[in-house]
């Protein structure tokens, strides 16, 4: 399935970005990371109370997402991404 974001990746839905990432588009991860950096960082800071450790967790999370997302199909990747997103929002 081809994903079209005529106004640029910044305007894609999360689902479309995950589909692009699964297809090998690494720019999609940059957009996702930029979109959720503050949220993930705030959760990590609340849990760790240390900026350096929180930054390490955020970057480790990004690395792990980059590693496992392309190995999943689009449906499974989005389901896992949605679960992570939901956990961070709560």
Protein backbone atom coordinates (compact mmCIF):
# COMPACT_ATOMS: atom_id res chain seq x y z
CA UNK A 1 0.00 0.00 0.00
CA UNK A 2 1.39 3.36 -0.99
CA UNK A 3 1.12 6.25 1.45
CA UNK A 4 0.77 9.76 0.10
CA UNK A 5 1.37 12.85 2.16
CA UNK A 6 1.07 15.65 -0.40
CA UNK A 7 1.75 18.38 2.16
CA UNK A 8 4.90 16.73 3.51
CA UNK A 9 5.58 14.09 6.13
CA UNK A 10 4.93 16.54 8.97
CA UNK A 11 1.26 16.46 7.98
CA UNK A 12 0.95 12.65 7.80
CA UNK A 13 -1.06 10.77 10.38
CA UNK A 14 0.80 8.58 12.84
CA UNK A 15 -0.59 5.51 11.06
CA UNK A 16 0.76 6.70 7.71
CA UNK A 17 4.14 7.51 9.25
CA UNK A 18 4.37 4.00 10.71
CA UNK A 19 3.46 2.52 7.31
CA UNK A 20 6.20 4.61 5.71
CA UNK A 21 8.67 3.54 8.39
CA UNK A 22 7.83 -0.14 7.84
CA UNK A 23 8.45 0.45 4.13
CA UNK A 24 11.94 1.72 4.95
CA UNK A 25 11.41 5.48 4.98
CA UNK A 26 13.73 6.66 7.77
CA UNK A 27 12.52 10.25 7.43
CA UNK A 28 9.23 9.02 8.88
CA UNK A 29 11.01 8.11 12.14
CA UNK A 30 12.49 11.59 12.31
CA UNK A 31 9.01 13.08 12.03
CA UNK A 32 7.62 10.66 14.63
CA UNK A 33 10.55 11.34 16.94
CA UNK A 34 10.15 15.12 16.57
CA UNK A 35 6.40 14.84 17.12
CA UNK A 36 6.68 12.83 20.36
CA UNK A 37 10.08 13.83 21.75
CA UNK A 38 8.68 16.19 24.39
CA UNK A 39 6.07 13.68 25.53
CA UNK A 40 8.54 10.79 25.81
CA UNK A 41 11.12 13.02 27.47
CA UNK A 42 8.61 14.27 30.05
CA UNK A 43 7.61 10.71 30.95
CA UNK A 44 11.25 9.66 31.25
CA UNK A 45 12.05 12.72 33.40
CA UNK A 46 9.12 12.01 35.72
CA UNK A 47 10.31 8.46 36.18
CA UNK A 48 14.07 9.04 36.41
CA UNK A 49 14.45 12.58 37.80
CA UNK A 50 17.68 12.94 35.83
CA UNK A 51 17.99 14.76 32.49
CA UNK A 52 20.96 12.78 31.18
CA UNK A 53 19.36 9.42 32.01
CA UNK A 54 16.05 10.55 30.52
CA UNK A 55 17.79 11.57 27.28
CA UNK A 56 19.50 8.17 27.15
CA UNK A 57 16.14 6.43 27.53
CA UNK A 58 14.57 8.56 24.79
CA UNK A 59 17.39 7.85 22.35
CA UNK A 60 17.44 4.15 23.24
CA UNK A 61 13.69 4.05 22.61
CA UNK A 62 14.19 5.62 19.18
CA UNK A 63 16.93 3.13 18.32
CA UNK A 64 14.79 0.19 19.35
CA UNK A 65 11.80 1.46 17.38
CA UNK A 66 14.02 1.87 14.30
CA UNK A 67 15.28 -1.68 14.77
CA UNK A 68 12.00 -3.57 15.24
CA UNK A 69 9.49 -1.58 13.19
CA UNK A 70 10.75 -2.63 9.73
CA UNK A 71 10.54 -6.30 10.75
CA UNK A 72 6.80 -6.07 11.40
CA UNK A 73 3.99 -5.80 8.94
CA UNK A 74 2.19 -2.44 8.82
CA UNK A 75 -0.76 -3.64 10.91
CA UNK A 76 1.37 -5.12 13.71
CA UNK A 77 3.74 -2.15 13.65
CA UNK A 78 0.87 0.30 14.00
CA UNK A 79 -0.76 -1.74 16.77
CA UNK A 80 2.50 -1.76 18.74
CA UNK A 81 3.04 1.94 18.02
CA UNK A 82 -0.52 2.74 19.14
CA UNK A 83 0.02 0.77 22.35
CA UNK A 84 3.22 2.68 23.14
CA UNK A 85 1.50 5.96 22.32
CA UNK A 86 -1.41 5.10 24.60
CA UNK A 87 0.92 4.16 27.45
CA UNK A 88 2.77 7.47 27.16
CA UNK A 89 -0.45 9.49 27.11
CA UNK A 90 -1.63 7.92 30.39
